[in-house]
Amino acid sequence: MATVNFSVPDDVKEAFDRAFGHRNKSAIIADLMRQAVAEAQRQERREAAFATLTARRSRRPAATLRAARRARTRGRP
């Protein structure tokens, strides 16, 4: 198991101690770090998906104005 040392503002430490004083602080920090890693990975996947969709956009066939208008009005009274 690794040991990690970092500095936080005093008000953050005091609030953390008040909120989690009765719990295992190392376990809470480890869970928060896991969540941060998972969120960073999700963000990377979102950015990759966006880049893929954006790159493919230029190769997609574009609808004509007439076809778009027809699709909007089809089935309406």
PDB file of N, CA and C in Angstrom:
ATOM      1  N   MET A   1       0.850  -1.172   0.000  1.00  0.00           N
ATOM      2  CA  MET A   1       0.000   0.000   0.000  1.00  0.00           C
ATOM      3  C   MET A   1       0.895   1.235   0.000  1.00  0.00           C
ATOM      4  N   ALA A   2       0.532   2.215  -0.815  1.00  0.00           N
ATOM      5  CA  ALA A   2       1.323   3.437  -0.943  1.00  0.00           C
ATOM      6  C   ALA A   2       0.879   4.475   0.077  1.00  0.00           C
ATOM      7  N   THR A   3       1.788   5.366   0.395  1.00  0.00           N
ATOM      8  CA  THR A   3       1.482   6.500   1.249  1.00  0.00           C
ATOM      9  C   THR A   3       1.550   7.751   0.398  1.00  0.00           C
ATOM     10  N   VAL A   4       0.531   8.606   0.516  1.00  0.00           N
ATOM     11  CA  VAL A   4       0.457   9.824  -0.269  1.00  0.00           C
ATOM     12  C   VAL A   4       0.387  11.010   0.688  1.00  0.00           C
ATOM     13  N   ASN A   5       1.239  11.986   0.483  1.00  0.00           N
ATOM     14  CA  ASN A   5       1.215  13.205   1.292  1.00  0.00           C
ATOM     15  C   ASN A   5       0.865  14.377   0.394  1.00  0.00           C
ATOM     16  N   PHE A   6      -0.097  15.181   0.822  1.00  0.00           N
ATOM     17  CA  PHE A   6      -0.456  16.369   0.069  1.00  0.00           C
ATOM     18  C   PHE A   6      -1.000  17.411   1.019  1.00  0.00           C
ATOM     19  N   SER A   7      -0.992  18.649   0.569  1.00  0.00           N
ATOM     20  CA  SER A   7      -1.449  19.764   1.398  1.00  0.00           C
ATOM     21  C   SER A   7      -2.823  20.218   0.926  1.00  0.00           C
ATOM     22  N   VAL A   8      -3.652  20.575   1.892  1.00  0.00           N
ATOM     23  CA  VAL A   8      -4.972  21.132   1.599  1.00  0.00           C
ATOM     24  C   VAL A   8      -5.158  22.371   2.464  1.00  0.00           C
ATOM     25  N   PRO A   9      -6.011  23.276   2.041  1.00  0.00           N
ATOM     26  CA  PRO A   9      -6.283  24.454   2.869  1.00  0.00           C
ATOM     27  C   PRO A   9      -6.862  24.033   4.225  1.00  0.00           C
ATOM     28  N   ASP A  10      -6.550  24.828   5.244  1.00  0.00           N
ATOM     29  CA  ASP A  10      -7.004  24.500   6.597  1.00  0.00           C
ATOM     30  C   ASP A  10      -8.519  24.369   6.687  1.00  0.00           C
ATOM     31  N   ASP A  11      -9.263  25.241   6.002  1.00  0.00           N
ATOM     32  CA  ASP A  11     -10.719  25.181   6.092  1.00  0.00           C
ATOM     33  C   ASP A  11     -11.265  23.888   5.485  1.00  0.00           C
ATOM     34  N   VAL A  12     -10.609  23.387   4.452  1.00  0.00           N
ATOM     35  CA  VAL A  12     -11.028  22.119   3.835  1.00  0.00           C
ATOM     36  C   VAL A  12     -10.767  20.966   4.797  1.00  0.00           C
ATOM     37  N   LYS A  13      -9.599  20.960   5.426  1.00  0.00           N
ATOM     38  CA  LYS A  13      -9.273  19.894   6.386  1.00  0.00           C
ATOM     39  C   LYS A  13     -10.242  19.907   7.565  1.00  0.00           C
ATOM     40  N   GLU A  14     -10.550  21.098   8.060  1.00  0.00           N
ATOM     41  CA  GLU A  14     -11.471  21.197   9.196  1.00  0.00           C
ATOM     42  C   GLU A  14     -12.865  20.714   8.814  1.00  0.00           C
ATOM     43  N   ALA A  15     -13.339  21.086   7.640  1.00  0.00           N
ATOM     44  CA  ALA A  15     -14.659  20.639   7.183  1.00  0.00           C
ATOM     45  C   ALA A  15     -14.664  19.125   6.986  1.00  0.00           C
ATOM     46  N   PHE A  16     -13.585  18.597   6.415  1.00  0.00           N
ATOM     47  CA  PHE A  16     -13.456  17.144   6.211  1.00  0.00           C
ATOM     48  C   PHE A  16     -13.487  16.422   7.552  1.00  0.00           C
ATOM     49  N   ASP A  17     -12.726  16.926   8.514  1.00  0.00           N
ATOM     50  CA  ASP A  17     -12.686  16.311   9.843  1.00  0.00           C
ATOM     51  C   ASP A  17     -14.063  16.341  10.512  1.00  0.00           C
ATOM     52  N   ARG A  18     -14.793  17.444  10.351  1.00  0.00           N
ATOM     53  CA  ARG A  18     -16.136  17.528  10.924  1.00  0.00           C
ATOM     54  C   ARG A  18     -17.075  16.532  10.253  1.00  0.00           C
ATOM     55  N   ALA A  19     -16.997  16.439   8.938  1.00  0.00           N
ATOM     56  CA  ALA A  19     -17.911  15.572   8.195  1.00  0.00           C
ATOM     57  C   ALA A  19     -17.591  14.096   8.367  1.00  0.00           C
ATOM     58  N   PHE A  20     -16.302  13.756   8.466  1.00  0.00           N
ATOM     59  CA  PHE A  20     -15.897  12.352   8.458  1.00  0.00           C
ATOM     60  C   PHE A  20     -15.063  11.966   9.664  1.00  0.00           C
ATOM     61  N   GLY A  21     -15.146  12.710  10.743  1.00  0.00           N
ATOM     62  CA  GLY A  21     -14.312  12.460  11.916  1.00  0.00           C
ATOM     63  C   GLY A  21     -14.455  11.067  12.495  1.00  0.00           C
ATOM     64  N   HIS A  22     -15.612  10.465  12.352  1.00  0.00           N
ATOM     65  CA  HIS A  22     -15.875   9.154  12.938  1.00  0.00           C
ATOM     66  C   HIS A  22     -15.571   7.997  11.982  1.00  0.00           C
ATOM     67  N   ARG A  23     -15.089   8.308  10.780  1.00  0.00           N
ATOM     68  CA  ARG A  23     -14.837   7.259   9.778  1.00  0.00           C
ATOM     69  C   ARG A  23     -13.345   7.150   9.458  1.00  0.00           C
ATOM     70  N   ASN A  24     -12.995   6.091   8.748  1.00  0.00           N
ATOM     71  CA  ASN A  24     -11.623   5.860   8.334  1.00  0.00           C
ATOM     72  C   ASN A  24     -11.293   6.852   7.207  1.00  0.00           C
ATOM     73  N   LYS A  25     -10.532   7.869   7.537  1.00  0.00           N
ATOM     74  CA  LYS A  25     -10.243   8.941   6.574  1.00  0.00           C
ATOM     75  C   LYS A  25      -9.433   8.435   5.383  1.00  0.00           C
ATOM     76  N   SER A  26      -8.536   7.497   5.613  1.00  0.00           N
ATOM     77  CA  SER A  26      -7.744   6.948   4.505  1.00  0.00           C
ATOM     78  C   SER A  26      -8.645   6.243   3.501  1.00  0.00           C
ATOM     79  N   ALA A  27      -9.635   5.515   3.984  1.00  0.00           N
ATOM     80  CA  ALA A  27     -10.566   4.822   3.096  1.00  0.00           C
ATOM     81  C   ALA A  27     -11.408   5.830   2.316  1.00  0.00           C
ATOM     82  N   ILE A  28     -11.819   6.903   2.965  1.00  0.00           N
ATOM     83  CA  ILE A  28     -12.613   7.930   2.285  1.00  0.00           C
ATOM     84  C   ILE A  28     -11.789   8.587   1.188  1.00  0.00           C
ATOM     85  N   ILE A  29     -10.555   8.952   1.501  1.00  0.00           N
ATOM     86  CA  ILE A  29      -9.683   9.577   0.504  1.00  0.00           C
ATOM     87  C   ILE A  29      -9.433   8.617  -0.653  1.00  0.00           C
ATOM     88  N   ALA A  30      -9.207   7.347  -0.357  1.00  0.00           N
ATOM     89  CA  ALA A  30      -8.987   6.355  -1.422  1.00  0.00           C
ATOM     90  C   ALA A  30     -10.217   6.255  -2.315  1.00  0.00           C
ATOM     91  N   ASP A  31     -11.417   6.248  -1.719  1.00  0.00           N
ATOM     92  CA  ASP A  31     -12.648   6.210  -2.524  1.00  0.00           C
ATOM     93  C   ASP A  31     -12.787   7.452  -3.392  1.00  0.00           C
ATOM     94  N   LEU A  32     -12.479   8.600  -2.826  1.00  0.00           N
ATOM     95  CA  LEU A  32     -12.554   9.845  -3.602  1.00  0.00           C
ATOM     96  C   LEU A  32     -11.559   9.833  -4.763  1.00  0.00           C
ATOM     97  N   MET A  33     -10.381   9.290  -4.522  1.00  0.00           N
ATOM     98  CA  MET A  33      -9.381   9.188  -5.584  1.00  0.00           C
ATOM     99  C   MET A  33      -9.861   8.234  -6.678  1.00  0.00           C
ATOM    100  N   ARG A  34     -10.489   7.123  -6.285  1.00  0.00           N
ATOM    101  CA  ARG A  34     -11.041   6.185  -7.278  1.00  0.00           C
ATOM    102  C   ARG A  34     -12.113   6.875  -8.120  1.00  0.00           C
ATOM    103  N   GLN A  35     -12.968   7.634  -7.460  1.00  0.00           N
ATOM    104  CA  GLN A  35     -14.018   8.358  -8.176  1.00  0.00           C
ATOM    105  C   GLN A  35     -13.417   9.369  -9.149  1.00  0.00           C
ATOM    106  N   ALA A  36     -12.375  10.058  -8.720  1.00  0.00           N
ATOM    107  CA  ALA A  36     -11.725  11.046  -9.588  1.00  0.00           C
ATOM    108  C   ALA A  36     -11.102  10.379 -10.806  1.00  0.00           C
ATOM    109  N   VAL A  37     -10.480   9.224 -10.595  1.00  0.00           N
ATOM    110  CA  VAL A  37      -9.886   8.487 -11.714  1.00  0.00           C
ATOM    111  C   VAL A  37     -10.980   8.027 -12.673  1.00  0.00           C
ATOM    112  N   ALA A  38     -12.073   7.489 -12.135  1.00  0.00           N
ATOM    113  CA  ALA A  38     -13.180   7.021 -12.982  1.00  0.00           C
ATOM    114  C   ALA A  38     -13.772   8.189 -13.769  1.00  0.00           C
ATOM    115  N   GLU A  39     -13.932   9.337 -13.133  1.00  0.00           N
ATOM    116  CA  GLU A  39     -14.473  10.509 -13.833  1.00  0.00           C
ATOM    117  C   GLU A  39     -13.525  10.974 -14.930  1.00  0.00           C
ATOM    118  N   ALA A  40     -12.237  10.968 -14.664  1.00  0.00           N
ATOM    119  CA  ALA A  40     -11.263  11.362 -15.691  1.00  0.00           C
ATOM    120  C   ALA A  40     -11.321  10.404 -16.881  1.00  0.00           C
ATOM    121  N   GLN A  41     -11.484   9.110 -16.603  1.00  0.00           N
ATOM    122  CA  GLN A  41     -11.590   8.126 -17.691  1.00  0.00           C
ATOM    123  C   GLN A  41     -12.875   8.325 -18.492  1.00  0.00           C
ATOM    124  N   ARG A  42     -13.985   8.612 -17.787  1.00  0.00           N
ATOM    125  CA  ARG A  42     -15.244   8.897 -18.493  1.00  0.00           C
ATOM    126  C   ARG A  42     -15.097  10.123 -19.375  1.00  0.00           C
ATOM    127  N   GLN A  43     -14.431  11.154 -18.868  1.00  0.00           N
ATOM    128  CA  GLN A  43     -14.224  12.375 -19.646  1.00  0.00           C
ATOM    129  C   GLN A  43     -13.384  12.091 -20.887  1.00  0.00           C
ATOM    130  N   GLU A  44     -12.357  11.279 -20.747  1.00  0.00           N
ATOM    131  CA  GLU A  44     -11.528  10.905 -21.905  1.00  0.00           C
ATOM    132  C   GLU A  44     -12.357  10.169 -22.952  1.00  0.00           C
ATOM    133  N   ARG A  45     -13.232   9.250 -22.490  1.00  0.00           N
ATOM    134  CA  ARG A  45     -14.090   8.518 -23.433  1.00  0.00           C
ATOM    135  C   ARG A  45     -15.078   9.457 -24.123  1.00  0.00           C
ATOM    136  N   ARG A  46     -15.643  10.408 -23.374  1.00  0.00           N
ATOM    137  CA  ARG A  46     -16.561  11.389 -23.979  1.00  0.00           C
ATOM    138  C   ARG A  46     -15.846  12.209 -25.040  1.00  0.00           C
ATOM    139  N   GLU A  47     -14.635  12.656 -24.720  1.00  0.00           N
ATOM    140  CA  GLU A  47     -13.872  13.461 -25.679  1.00  0.00           C
ATOM    141  C   GLU A  47     -13.516  12.653 -26.916  1.00  0.00           C
ATOM    142  N   ALA A  48     -13.158  11.377 -26.732  1.00  0.00           N
ATOM    143  CA  ALA A  48     -12.835  10.523 -27.882  1.00  0.00           C
ATOM    144  C   ALA A  48     -14.072  10.286 -28.738  1.00  0.00           C
ATOM    145  N   ALA A  49     -15.216  10.056 -28.096  1.00  0.00           N
ATOM    146  CA  ALA A  49     -16.461   9.855 -28.849  1.00  0.00           C
ATOM    147  C   ALA A  49     -16.828  11.109 -29.618  1.00  0.00           C
ATOM    148  N   PHE A  50     -16.683  12.262 -28.987  1.00  0.00           N
ATOM    149  CA  PHE A  50     -16.980  13.521 -29.661  1.00  0.00           C
ATOM    150  C   PHE A  50     -16.070  13.719 -30.865  1.00  0.00           C
ATOM    151  N   ALA A  51     -14.790  13.427 -30.688  1.00  0.00           N
ATOM    152  CA  ALA A  51     -13.840  13.582 -31.797  1.00  0.00           C
ATOM    153  C   ALA A  51     -14.194  12.640 -32.944  1.00  0.00           C
ATOM    154  N   THR A  52     -14.584  11.408 -32.610  1.00  0.00           N
ATOM    155  CA  THR A  52     -14.963  10.442 -33.644  1.00  0.00           C
ATOM    156  C   THR A  52     -16.204  10.911 -34.393  1.00  0.00           C
ATOM    157  N   LEU A  53     -17.211  11.332 -33.645  1.00  0.00           N
ATOM    158  CA  LEU A  53     -18.448  11.797 -34.287  1.00  0.00           C
ATOM    159  C   LEU A  53     -18.199  13.042 -35.129  1.00  0.00           C
ATOM    160  N   THR A  54     -17.390  13.936 -34.631  1.00  0.00           N
ATOM    161  CA  THR A  54     -17.086  15.158 -35.372  1.00  0.00           C
ATOM    162  C   THR A  54     -16.331  14.838 -36.659  1.00  0.00           C
ATOM    163  N   ALA A  55     -15.384  13.911 -36.587  1.00  0.00           N
ATOM    164  CA  ALA A  55     -14.619  13.535 -37.776  1.00  0.00           C
ATOM    165  C   ALA A  55     -15.514  12.866 -38.819  1.00  0.00           C
ATOM    166  N   ARG A  56     -16.465  12.066 -38.375  1.00  0.00           N
ATOM    167  CA  ARG A  56     -17.357  11.368 -39.304  1.00  0.00           C
ATOM    168  C   ARG A  56     -18.423  12.292 -39.896  1.00  0.00           C
ATOM    169  N   ARG A  57     -18.640  13.404 -39.255  1.00  0.00           N
ATOM    170  CA  ARG A  57     -19.709  14.309 -39.689  1.00  0.00           C
ATOM    171  C   ARG A  57     -19.519  14.764 -41.126  1.00  0.00           C
ATOM    172  N   SER A  58     -18.295  15.028 -41.521  1.00  0.00           N
ATOM    173  CA  SER A  58     -18.052  15.516 -42.875  1.00  0.00           C
ATOM    174  C   SER A  58     -18.310  14.441 -43.924  1.00  0.00           C
ATOM    175  N   ARG A  59     -18.307  13.173 -43.527  1.00  0.00           N
ATOM    176  CA  ARG A  59     -18.530  12.077 -44.475  1.00  0.00           C
ATOM    177  C   ARG A  59     -19.997  11.652 -44.535  1.00  0.00           C
ATOM    178  N   ARG A  60     -20.809  12.177 -43.641  1.00  0.00           N
ATOM    179  CA  ARG A  60     -22.231  11.832 -43.624  1.00  0.00           C
ATOM    180  C   ARG A  60     -22.951  12.547 -44.749  1.00  0.00           C
ATOM    181  N   PRO A  61     -23.905  11.891 -45.367  1.00  0.00           N
ATOM    182  CA  PRO A  61     -24.663  12.600 -46.396  1.00  0.00           C
ATOM    183  C   PRO A  61     -25.547  13.667 -45.752  1.00  0.00           C
ATOM    184  N   ALA A  62     -25.614  14.801 -46.376  1.00  0.00           N
ATOM    185  CA  ALA A  62     -26.428  15.898 -45.856  1.00  0.00           C
ATOM    186  C   ALA A  62     -27.808  15.852 -46.508  1.00  0.00           C
ATOM    187  N   ALA A  63     -28.821  16.141 -45.731  1.00  0.00           N
ATOM    188  CA  ALA A  63     -30.178  16.196 -46.268  1.00  0.00           C
ATOM    189  C   ALA A  63     -30.374  17.539 -46.954  1.00  0.00           C
ATOM    190  N   THR A  64     -31.119  17.521 -48.033  1.00  0.00           N
ATOM    191  CA  THR A  64     -31.456  18.776 -48.707  1.00  0.00           C
ATOM    192  C   THR A  64     -32.530  19.478 -47.892  1.00  0.00           C
ATOM    193  N   LEU A  65     -32.708  20.759 -48.125  1.00  0.00           N
ATOM    194  CA  LEU A  65     -33.761  21.496 -47.433  1.00  0.00           C
ATOM    195  C   LEU A  65     -35.122  20.889 -47.741  1.00  0.00           C
ATOM    196  N   ARG A  66     -35.305  20.492 -48.993  1.00  0.00           N
ATOM    197  CA  ARG A  66     -36.578  19.896 -49.390  1.00  0.00           C
ATOM    198  C   ARG A  66     -36.831  18.602 -48.611  1.00  0.00           C
ATOM    199  N   ALA A  67     -35.828  17.738 -48.499  1.00  0.00           N
ATOM    200  CA  ALA A  67     -35.978  16.477 -47.775  1.00  0.00           C
ATOM    201  C   ALA A  67     -36.221  16.727 -46.287  1.00  0.00           C
ATOM    202  N   ALA A  68     -35.550  17.695 -45.714  1.00  0.00           N
ATOM    203  CA  ALA A  68     -35.748  18.015 -44.298  1.00  0.00           C
ATOM    204  C   ALA A  68     -37.168  18.522 -44.064  1.00  0.00           C
ATOM    205  N   ARG A  69     -37.655  19.403 -44.938  1.00  0.00           N
ATOM    206  CA  ARG A  69     -39.009  19.935 -44.821  1.00  0.00           C
ATOM    207  C   ARG A  69     -40.030  18.799 -44.947  1.00  0.00           C
ATOM    208  N   ARG A  70     -39.805  17.902 -45.896  1.00  0.00           N
ATOM    209  CA  ARG A  70     -40.710  16.786 -46.111  1.00  0.00           C
ATOM    210  C   ARG A  70     -40.735  15.879 -44.856  1.00  0.00           C
ATOM    211  N   ALA A  71     -39.586  15.634 -44.256  1.00  0.00           N
ATOM    212  CA  ALA A  71     -39.518  14.799 -43.045  1.00  0.00           C
ATOM    213  C   ALA A  71     -40.248  15.456 -41.872  1.00  0.00           C
ATOM    214  N   ARG A  72     -40.145  16.772 -41.772  1.00  0.00           N
ATOM    215  CA  ARG A  72     -40.819  17.477 -40.682  1.00  0.00           C
ATOM    216  C   ARG A  72     -42.332  17.456 -40.833  1.00  0.00           C
ATOM    217  N   THR A  73     -42.796  17.515 -42.038  1.00  0.00           N
ATOM    218  CA  THR A  73     -44.263  17.625 -42.254  1.00  0.00           C
ATOM    219  C   THR A  73     -44.922  16.282 -42.490  1.00  0.00           C
ATOM    220  N   ARG A  74     -44.173  15.248 -42.739  1.00  0.00           N
ATOM    221  CA  ARG A  74     -44.744  13.923 -43.016  1.00  0.00           C
ATOM    222  C   ARG A  74     -45.525  13.426 -41.799  1.00  0.00           C
ATOM    223  N   GLY A  75     -46.746  12.994 -42.050  1.00  0.00           N
ATOM    224  CA  GLY A  75     -47.583  12.449 -40.982  1.00  0.00           C
ATOM    225  C   GLY A  75     -48.295  13.492 -40.158  1.00  0.00           C
ATOM    226  N   ARG A  76     -48.099  14.756 -40.453  1.00  0.00           N
ATOM    227  CA  ARG A  76     -48.823  15.816 -39.721  1.00  0.00           C
ATOM    228  C   ARG A  76     -50.082  16.178 -40.509  1.00  0.00           C
ATOM    229  N   PRO A  77     -51.110  16.583 -39.810  1.00  0.00           N
ATOM    230  CA  PRO A  77     -52.346  16.977 -40.504  1.00  0.00           C
ATOM    231  C   PRO A  77     -52.194  18.293 -41.257  1.00  0.00           C
TER     232      PRO A  77
END
